[in-house]
Amino acid sequence: MKISYKARPGEILNTDDINCRLEEDTLYIAGSLLAAGTGSLCKTIARKTPLLKKQVSRINLNGLTDIDSAGIIAVFYIRGLLKTNRDIIIETDKTAIQKKLELFSPAGLEKSAPPPRKSLSESTGEKTHRLFVGILYGFVKLAADVFYWSVTDLFRKKTYREGEFIRQSVKIGVNAAMIVVFMSFAIGLVLAVHSGGQLSTFGANIYIVDLTVIAVMSQMGPLITAVLVAGRSGSSIAAEIATMKVTSELDALKTMGLDPIRFVVVPKLYACLFTMPFLIILSNVSGIAGGATAAYLNLDITPEIFISRMGQIMQNKDLLTGFVKSQVYAALIVLTGSFYGFSVDRGAEGVGRMTTLAVVVSISLVILADSVMGLLFY
């Protein structure tokens, strides 16, 4: 025999836990209103909102045996659905439920007004202030600290971290040698191929040696090396220091009485200053070798002729300017990577963002410094 449930007059919802009914202008909620039952109650009231809105002026909770924070939010949600021009009163004579209503009531939560839109002059002023005070001043201060410790530590052998200079030299210089040699050879080869095609039309094949040697020695070799080191080692420096800051390793160094700049940055600066001239020499040799290969294959200039002509046009000034550039580039790469590493303020997202900024800014500074030194030396 099939037994069907017959709802009582005014009954809206009747489950094992919750009973909800409407009598005159009062909505009675009884039973146990916990998180598991709030969904069905709210959905039922939402479907009958047009009808109940016109009748309900009170919500009575005297029949409740238990209620949690989700149930309290559901009661206030129902009141918001049924609220019209008149306010709907939530009533109960149970002290425990009344305290929960006061504790979890959203009445005191007001939407915060959106911040006022800044004017063009105000936003420009803030960005300018951040540029000069937050970035330029911070960069100069870091450079001063690094310069001070790098000079003073030359005369304090007891402060050296044993093996750190060798390890950083291998990491920054030796491991970057292959990519520097390969890229310099390829660029020297392409430069000579494209230039030789133009020179051969005027019968000036021999001047491919002058063009290749002067271009590689004075500009291309040092610049290519600096860009590759900035992209490879500069990003590594920024990521390492940023990770140390996020994981509180820098704070641990300070707790032990160790200066993070002296402990972390100075060995990297020593290694970069030491290895950069050798990388530039490798780059110059590889670039010239690429040019000599293209001259031999396309313009029938033998290696003997190429080397003889190269000896006539090479100057000591090219080697000296290459050394000066190497020191400037090395300092810019290490300082930029360290500055953005120390500037990280969030987790993994901040580490990635600062690493990207370090690479972009260091390459930009290298190109800017190359332009300035090109005007000074030539």
Protein backbone atom coordinates (compact mmCIF):
# COMPACT_ATOMS: atom_id res chain seq x y z
CA MET A 1 0.00 0.00 0.00
CA LYS A 2 1.37 3.39 -1.01
CA ILE A 3 1.28 6.13 1.65
CA SER A 4 1.43 9.74 0.41
CA TYR A 5 2.45 12.67 2.58
CA LYS A 6 -0.20 15.35 3.05
CA ALA A 7 1.14 18.78 3.95
CA ARG A 8 -0.44 20.73 6.77
CA PRO A 9 -1.99 24.13 5.97
CA GLY A 10 0.70 26.74 5.54
CA GLU A 11 3.54 24.24 5.50
CA ILE A 12 6.39 25.23 3.16
CA LEU A 13 9.12 22.67 3.90
CA ASN A 14 9.14 19.56 6.07
CA THR A 15 12.23 17.33 6.22
CA ASP A 16 13.79 15.16 8.89
CA ASP A 17 15.63 18.18 10.29
CA ILE A 18 13.71 21.31 9.31
CA ASN A 19 10.07 22.32 9.36
CA CYS A 20 9.06 25.63 7.84
CA ARG A 21 5.48 26.90 7.77
CA LEU A 22 3.59 30.15 7.33
CA GLU A 23 0.87 31.21 9.79
CA GLU A 24 -0.75 34.57 9.17
CA ASP A 25 2.20 36.99 8.79
CA THR A 26 4.81 34.88 10.62
CA LEU A 27 7.23 32.38 9.07
CA TYR A 28 8.02 29.65 11.60
CA ILE A 29 11.28 27.72 11.29
CA ALA A 30 11.66 24.72 13.56
CA GLY A 31 13.99 21.78 13.94
CA SER A 32 17.76 21.72 13.52
CA LEU A 33 19.03 24.37 11.09
CA LEU A 34 22.61 23.32 10.36
CA ALA A 35 24.84 23.75 7.31
CA ALA A 36 23.56 20.56 5.64
CA GLY A 37 19.95 21.74 5.59
CA THR A 38 20.36 25.39 4.70
CA GLY A 39 20.55 24.73 0.94
CA SER A 40 17.14 23.10 0.63
CA LEU A 41 15.51 25.72 2.87
CA CYS A 42 16.94 28.67 0.95
CA LYS A 43 16.02 27.13 -2.43
CA THR A 44 12.44 26.49 -1.29
CA ILE A 45 11.99 30.03 0.05
CA ALA A 46 13.55 31.48 -3.11
CA ARG A 47 11.01 29.64 -5.31
CA LYS A 48 8.11 30.97 -3.23
CA THR A 49 9.48 34.47 -2.75
CA PRO A 50 6.80 36.33 -4.82
CA LEU A 51 4.04 34.81 -2.69
CA LEU A 52 5.74 35.09 0.69
CA LYS A 53 6.94 38.66 0.16
CA LYS A 54 3.42 40.00 0.49
CA GLN A 55 2.62 38.12 3.70
CA VAL A 56 5.69 37.67 5.91
CA SER A 57 6.56 40.35 8.46
CA ARG A 58 8.14 38.11 11.14
CA ILE A 59 10.47 35.11 11.22
CA ASN A 60 10.01 33.06 14.39
CA LEU A 61 12.86 30.79 15.54
CA ASN A 62 11.36 29.53 18.82
CA GLY A 63 11.01 26.04 17.40
CA LEU A 64 14.68 25.66 16.60
CA THR A 65 16.61 23.10 18.61
CA ASP A 66 20.02 23.83 17.11
CA ILE A 67 21.57 26.32 14.70
CA ASP A 68 25.09 27.02 13.49
CA SER A 69 26.75 29.95 11.70
CA ALA A 70 25.57 28.70 8.30
CA GLY A 71 22.02 28.55 9.63
CA ILE A 72 22.27 32.12 10.95
CA ILE A 73 23.45 33.33 7.54
CA ALA A 74 20.57 31.41 5.92
CA VAL A 75 18.04 33.17 8.20
CA PHE A 76 19.39 36.59 7.30
CA TYR A 77 19.48 35.57 3.62
CA ILE A 78 15.78 34.61 3.80
CA ARG A 79 14.97 37.90 5.47
CA GLY A 80 16.74 39.71 2.64
CA LEU A 81 14.72 37.76 0.04
CA LEU A 82 11.39 38.54 1.69
CA LYS A 83 12.11 42.11 2.70
CA THR A 84 9.94 44.78 1.11
CA ASN A 85 9.21 48.33 2.22
CA ARG A 86 8.59 47.11 5.76
CA ASP A 87 11.30 45.55 7.89
CA ILE A 88 11.05 41.85 8.78
CA ILE A 89 11.62 41.03 12.46
CA ILE A 90 13.56 37.95 13.53
CA GLU A 91 12.24 36.83 16.92
CA THR A 92 13.23 34.12 19.38
CA ASP A 93 12.92 33.61 23.12
CA LYS A 94 15.97 31.34 23.36
CA THR A 95 19.06 33.06 24.73
CA ALA A 96 21.57 30.81 22.95
CA ILE A 97 20.03 31.45 19.53
CA GLN A 98 19.79 35.19 20.27
CA LYS A 99 23.50 35.32 21.08
CA LYS A 100 24.34 33.51 17.84
CA LEU A 101 22.18 35.96 15.91
CA GLU A 102 24.09 38.87 17.42
CA LEU A 103 27.45 37.17 16.89
CA PHE A 104 27.01 36.25 13.23
CA SER A 105 24.71 39.09 12.18
CA PRO A 106 25.83 40.76 8.94
CA ALA A 107 24.09 43.96 9.94
CA GLY A 108 27.35 45.68 10.86
CA LEU A 109 29.01 44.75 7.59
CA GLU A 110 28.75 47.61 5.17
CA LYS A 111 30.10 47.75 1.68
CA SER A 112 33.22 49.83 1.62
CA ALA A 113 33.10 52.63 -0.87
CA PRO A 114 35.50 52.27 -3.81
CA PRO A 115 38.64 54.38 -3.43
CA PRO A 116 38.42 57.74 -5.14
CA ARG A 117 39.91 57.83 -8.58
CA LYS A 118 43.28 59.54 -8.62
CA SER A 119 43.88 62.47 -10.89
CA LEU A 120 46.55 62.42 -13.57
CA SER A 121 48.83 64.74 -11.62
CA GLU A 122 48.47 62.70 -8.43
CA SER A 123 49.23 59.37 -10.11
CA THR A 124 52.16 60.93 -11.98
CA GLY A 125 53.52 62.36 -8.74
CA GLU A 126 53.25 59.02 -6.97
CA LYS A 127 55.04 57.18 -9.79
CA THR A 128 57.77 59.83 -9.88
CA HIS A 129 58.23 59.63 -6.12
CA ARG A 130 58.40 55.82 -6.31
CA LEU A 131 60.96 56.04 -9.12
CA PHE A 132 63.32 58.40 -7.32
CA VAL A 133 62.83 57.31 -3.71
CA GLY A 134 61.94 53.64 -3.99
CA ILE A 135 64.06 52.60 -6.99
CA LEU A 136 66.88 55.05 -7.68
CA TYR A 137 67.67 55.78 -4.03
CA GLY A 138 67.45 52.09 -3.14
CA PHE A 139 69.71 51.13 -6.04
CA VAL A 140 72.31 53.78 -5.14
CA LYS A 141 72.21 52.74 -1.47
CA LEU A 142 72.71 49.08 -2.39
CA ALA A 143 75.56 50.02 -4.74
CA ALA A 144 77.25 52.01 -1.94
CA ASP A 145 76.94 49.10 0.51
CA VAL A 146 78.25 46.59 -2.02
CA PHE A 147 81.16 48.87 -2.97
CA TYR A 148 82.07 49.41 0.70
CA TRP A 149 82.06 45.71 1.61
CA SER A 150 83.77 44.63 -1.62
CA VAL A 151 86.66 47.03 -0.93
CA THR A 152 87.02 46.39 2.81
CA ASP A 153 86.83 42.60 2.43
CA LEU A 154 89.89 42.67 0.16
CA PHE A 155 91.96 43.35 3.29
CA ARG A 156 90.13 40.94 5.61
CA LYS A 157 91.05 37.44 4.57
CA LYS A 158 89.43 35.92 7.65
CA THR A 159 86.01 37.01 6.43
CA TYR A 160 86.20 35.07 3.15
CA ARG A 161 83.77 32.20 2.68
CA GLU A 162 86.06 29.34 1.76
CA GLY A 163 85.47 28.12 -1.77
CA GLU A 164 82.63 30.57 -2.48
CA PHE A 165 84.63 32.67 -4.96
CA ILE A 166 85.55 29.56 -6.99
CA ARG A 167 81.99 28.25 -6.88
CA GLN A 168 80.52 31.54 -8.07
CA SER A 169 83.19 31.92 -10.76
CA VAL A 170 82.30 28.52 -12.16
CA LYS A 171 78.58 29.25 -11.94
CA ILE A 172 78.72 32.73 -13.51
CA GLY A 173 81.71 32.45 -15.86
CA VAL A 174 82.74 28.91 -16.73
CA ASN A 175 79.22 27.58 -17.21
CA ALA A 176 78.40 30.51 -19.51
CA ALA A 177 81.46 30.05 -21.75
CA MET A 178 79.88 27.64 -24.25
CA ILE A 179 76.81 29.74 -24.98
CA VAL A 180 78.96 32.88 -25.30
CA VAL A 181 81.32 31.17 -27.77
CA PHE A 182 78.50 29.71 -29.85
CA MET A 183 76.45 32.93 -30.07
CA SER A 184 79.49 35.11 -30.80
CA PHE A 185 80.63 32.77 -33.59
CA ALA A 186 77.16 32.78 -35.14
CA ILE A 187 76.83 36.58 -34.98
CA GLY A 188 80.33 37.14 -36.39
CA LEU A 189 79.55 34.70 -39.20
CA VAL A 190 76.25 36.37 -40.11
CA LEU A 191 77.80 39.85 -39.87
CA ALA A 192 80.58 38.92 -42.29
CA VAL A 193 78.22 37.15 -44.73
CA HIS A 194 75.87 40.12 -45.06
CA SER A 195 78.64 42.72 -45.13
CA GLY A 196 80.76 40.74 -47.58
CA GLY A 197 77.96 40.72 -50.13
CA GLN A 198 77.97 44.51 -50.22
CA LEU A 199 81.75 44.91 -50.17
CA SER A 200 82.25 42.44 -53.03
CA THR A 201 80.21 44.63 -55.37
CA PHE A 202 82.90 47.34 -54.99
CA GLY A 203 85.83 44.94 -55.11
CA ALA A 204 86.69 45.72 -51.50
CA ASN A 205 86.69 42.15 -50.19
CA ILE A 206 89.71 42.69 -47.96
CA TYR A 207 87.86 45.28 -45.90
CA ILE A 208 85.64 42.55 -44.50
CA VAL A 209 88.52 41.93 -42.08
CA ASP A 210 88.47 45.56 -40.88
CA LEU A 211 84.70 45.56 -40.50
CA THR A 212 84.55 42.27 -38.60
CA VAL A 213 87.47 42.93 -36.26
CA ILE A 214 86.49 46.50 -35.38
CA ALA A 215 82.80 45.67 -34.92
CA VAL A 216 83.44 42.60 -32.78
CA MET A 217 86.26 44.05 -30.67
CA SER A 218 84.72 47.41 -29.98
CA GLN A 219 81.00 46.67 -29.69
CA MET A 220 79.59 43.27 -30.54
CA GLY A 221 81.85 41.07 -28.39
CA PRO A 222 81.44 42.91 -25.06
CA LEU A 223 77.76 43.66 -25.66
CA ILE A 224 76.80 40.10 -26.65
CA THR A 225 78.65 38.73 -23.62
CA ALA A 226 76.99 41.16 -21.24
CA VAL A 227 73.50 40.47 -22.59
CA LEU A 228 73.98 36.70 -22.33
CA VAL A 229 75.40 36.93 -18.80
CA ALA A 230 72.58 39.27 -17.77
CA GLY A 231 69.97 36.85 -19.08
CA ARG A 232 71.64 33.76 -17.67
CA SER A 233 73.48 34.76 -14.49
CA GLY A 234 71.58 37.97 -13.66
CA SER A 235 68.29 36.09 -13.50
CA SER A 236 69.95 33.39 -11.36
CA ILE A 237 71.22 36.00 -8.89
CA ALA A 238 67.81 37.67 -8.61
CA ALA A 239 65.97 34.36 -8.20
CA GLU A 240 68.43 33.07 -5.59
CA ILE A 241 68.28 36.18 -3.40
CA ALA A 242 64.50 36.52 -3.79
CA THR A 243 64.01 32.90 -2.75
CA MET A 244 66.29 33.43 0.25
CA LYS A 245 64.18 36.41 1.30
CA VAL A 246 60.86 34.60 0.84
CA THR A 247 62.09 31.60 2.84
CA SER A 248 63.46 33.93 5.59
CA GLU A 249 67.06 32.85 5.02
CA LEU A 250 68.15 36.50 4.89
CA ASP A 251 66.48 37.10 8.25
CA ALA A 252 68.36 34.09 9.61
CA LEU A 253 71.65 35.60 8.45
CA LYS A 254 70.83 38.86 10.22
CA THR A 255 69.93 36.92 13.36
CA MET A 256 73.38 35.29 13.27
CA GLY A 257 75.01 38.73 12.92
CA LEU A 258 75.89 38.35 9.23
CA ASP A 259 75.25 41.10 6.69
CA PRO A 260 73.30 39.58 3.74
CA ILE A 261 75.01 41.93 1.28
CA ARG A 262 78.44 40.94 2.49
CA PHE A 263 77.56 37.26 2.75
CA VAL A 264 75.60 36.82 -0.50
CA VAL A 265 76.28 39.65 -2.95
CA VAL A 266 79.99 40.42 -2.56
CA PRO A 267 81.24 36.93 -3.61
CA LYS A 268 79.04 37.12 -6.71
CA LEU A 269 80.48 40.54 -7.55
CA TYR A 270 84.06 39.30 -7.18
CA ALA A 271 83.33 36.31 -9.42
CA CYS A 272 81.57 38.36 -12.09
CA LEU A 273 84.30 41.03 -12.15
CA PHE A 274 86.94 38.31 -12.48
CA THR A 275 85.30 36.15 -15.15
CA MET A 276 83.72 38.81 -17.38
CA PRO A 277 87.01 39.90 -19.08
CA PHE A 278 87.78 36.27 -19.99
CA LEU A 279 84.27 35.79 -21.37
CA ILE A 280 84.67 38.92 -23.50
CA ILE A 281 88.01 37.65 -24.83
CA LEU A 282 86.34 34.35 -25.74
CA SER A 283 83.52 36.26 -27.40
CA ASN A 284 85.94 38.40 -29.42
CA VAL A 285 87.93 35.38 -30.58
CA SER A 286 84.77 33.46 -31.51
CA GLY A 287 83.22 36.41 -33.33
CA ILE A 288 86.39 37.03 -35.34
CA ALA A 289 86.63 33.29 -36.09
CA GLY A 290 83.06 33.39 -37.41
CA GLY A 291 83.95 36.37 -39.61
CA ALA A 292 87.10 34.61 -40.87
CA THR A 293 85.06 31.52 -41.74
CA ALA A 294 82.57 33.57 -43.76
CA ALA A 295 85.41 35.48 -45.47
CA TYR A 296 87.10 32.23 -46.49
CA LEU A 297 83.94 30.60 -47.80
CA ASN A 298 82.36 33.59 -49.58
CA LEU A 299 85.20 36.00 -50.44
CA ASP A 300 88.17 33.63 -50.91
CA ILE A 301 90.16 35.35 -48.15
CA THR A 302 92.47 32.73 -46.65
CA PRO A 303 93.08 32.58 -42.89
CA GLU A 304 96.69 33.74 -43.42
CA ILE A 305 95.52 36.91 -45.19
CA PHE A 306 92.81 37.46 -42.59
CA ILE A 307 95.25 37.16 -39.66
CA SER A 308 97.85 39.37 -41.37
CA ARG A 309 95.28 42.10 -42.02
CA MET A 310 93.84 41.75 -38.51
CA GLY A 311 97.26 42.41 -36.97
CA GLN A 312 97.47 45.71 -38.84
CA ILE A 313 94.15 47.12 -37.66
CA MET A 314 93.97 45.86 -34.07
CA GLN A 315 94.86 48.42 -31.41
CA ASN A 316 95.66 48.15 -27.72
CA LYS A 317 92.83 50.57 -27.07
CA ASP A 318 90.32 47.92 -28.12
CA LEU A 319 91.59 45.54 -25.45
CA LEU A 320 91.62 48.26 -22.81
CA THR A 321 88.09 49.46 -23.56
CA GLY A 322 86.90 45.85 -23.58
CA PHE A 323 88.31 45.39 -20.07
CA VAL A 324 86.71 48.60 -18.82
CA LYS A 325 83.37 47.61 -20.31
CA SER A 326 83.59 44.18 -18.72
CA GLN A 327 83.94 45.69 -15.25
CA VAL A 328 81.06 48.11 -15.78
CA TYR A 329 78.79 45.40 -17.18
CA ALA A 330 79.65 42.98 -14.38
CA ALA A 331 78.85 45.56 -11.69
CA LEU A 332 75.53 46.49 -13.35
CA ILE A 333 74.43 42.86 -13.74
CA VAL A 334 75.19 41.87 -10.14
CA LEU A 335 73.76 45.06 -8.63
CA THR A 336 70.55 44.88 -10.67
CA GLY A 337 69.96 41.21 -9.91
CA SER A 338 70.66 41.78 -6.21
CA PHE A 339 68.45 44.87 -6.01
CA TYR A 340 65.41 43.13 -7.45
CA GLY A 341 66.14 40.02 -5.40
CA PHE A 342 66.05 42.06 -2.19
CA SER A 343 62.91 43.89 -3.39
CA VAL A 344 60.65 40.82 -3.51
CA ASP A 345 57.65 41.11 -1.18
CA ARG A 346 55.49 38.06 -1.99
CA GLY A 347 55.83 34.34 -2.55
CA ALA A 348 56.51 32.44 -5.76
CA GLU A 349 54.68 35.04 -7.85
CA GLY A 350 56.94 37.79 -6.52
CA VAL A 351 60.08 35.75 -7.21
CA GLY A 352 59.09 35.25 -10.85
CA ARG A 353 58.11 38.88 -11.31
CA MET A 354 61.32 40.23 -9.79
CA THR A 355 63.46 37.81 -11.80
CA THR A 356 61.83 39.02 -15.01
CA LEU A 357 62.33 42.66 -14.01
CA ALA A 358 65.97 41.99 -13.14
CA VAL A 359 66.69 40.55 -16.59
CA VAL A 360 64.87 43.32 -18.46
CA VAL A 361 66.41 46.16 -16.44
CA SER A 362 69.94 44.72 -16.44
CA ILE A 363 69.93 44.26 -20.22
CA SER A 364 68.56 47.79 -20.65
CA LEU A 365 71.26 49.22 -18.37
CA VAL A 366 73.97 47.28 -20.23
CA ILE A 367 72.82 48.68 -23.58
CA LEU A 368 72.57 52.19 -22.11
CA ALA A 369 76.07 51.92 -20.59
CA ASP A 370 77.43 50.59 -23.89
CA SER A 371 76.00 53.62 -25.71
CA VAL A 372 77.54 56.04 -23.21
CA MET A 373 80.94 54.35 -23.27
CA GLY A 374 80.82 54.15 -27.05
CA LEU A 375 80.50 57.92 -27.18
CA LEU A 376 83.30 58.37 -24.64
CA PHE A 377 85.86 55.98 -26.11
CA TYR A 378 85.31 56.50 -29.85
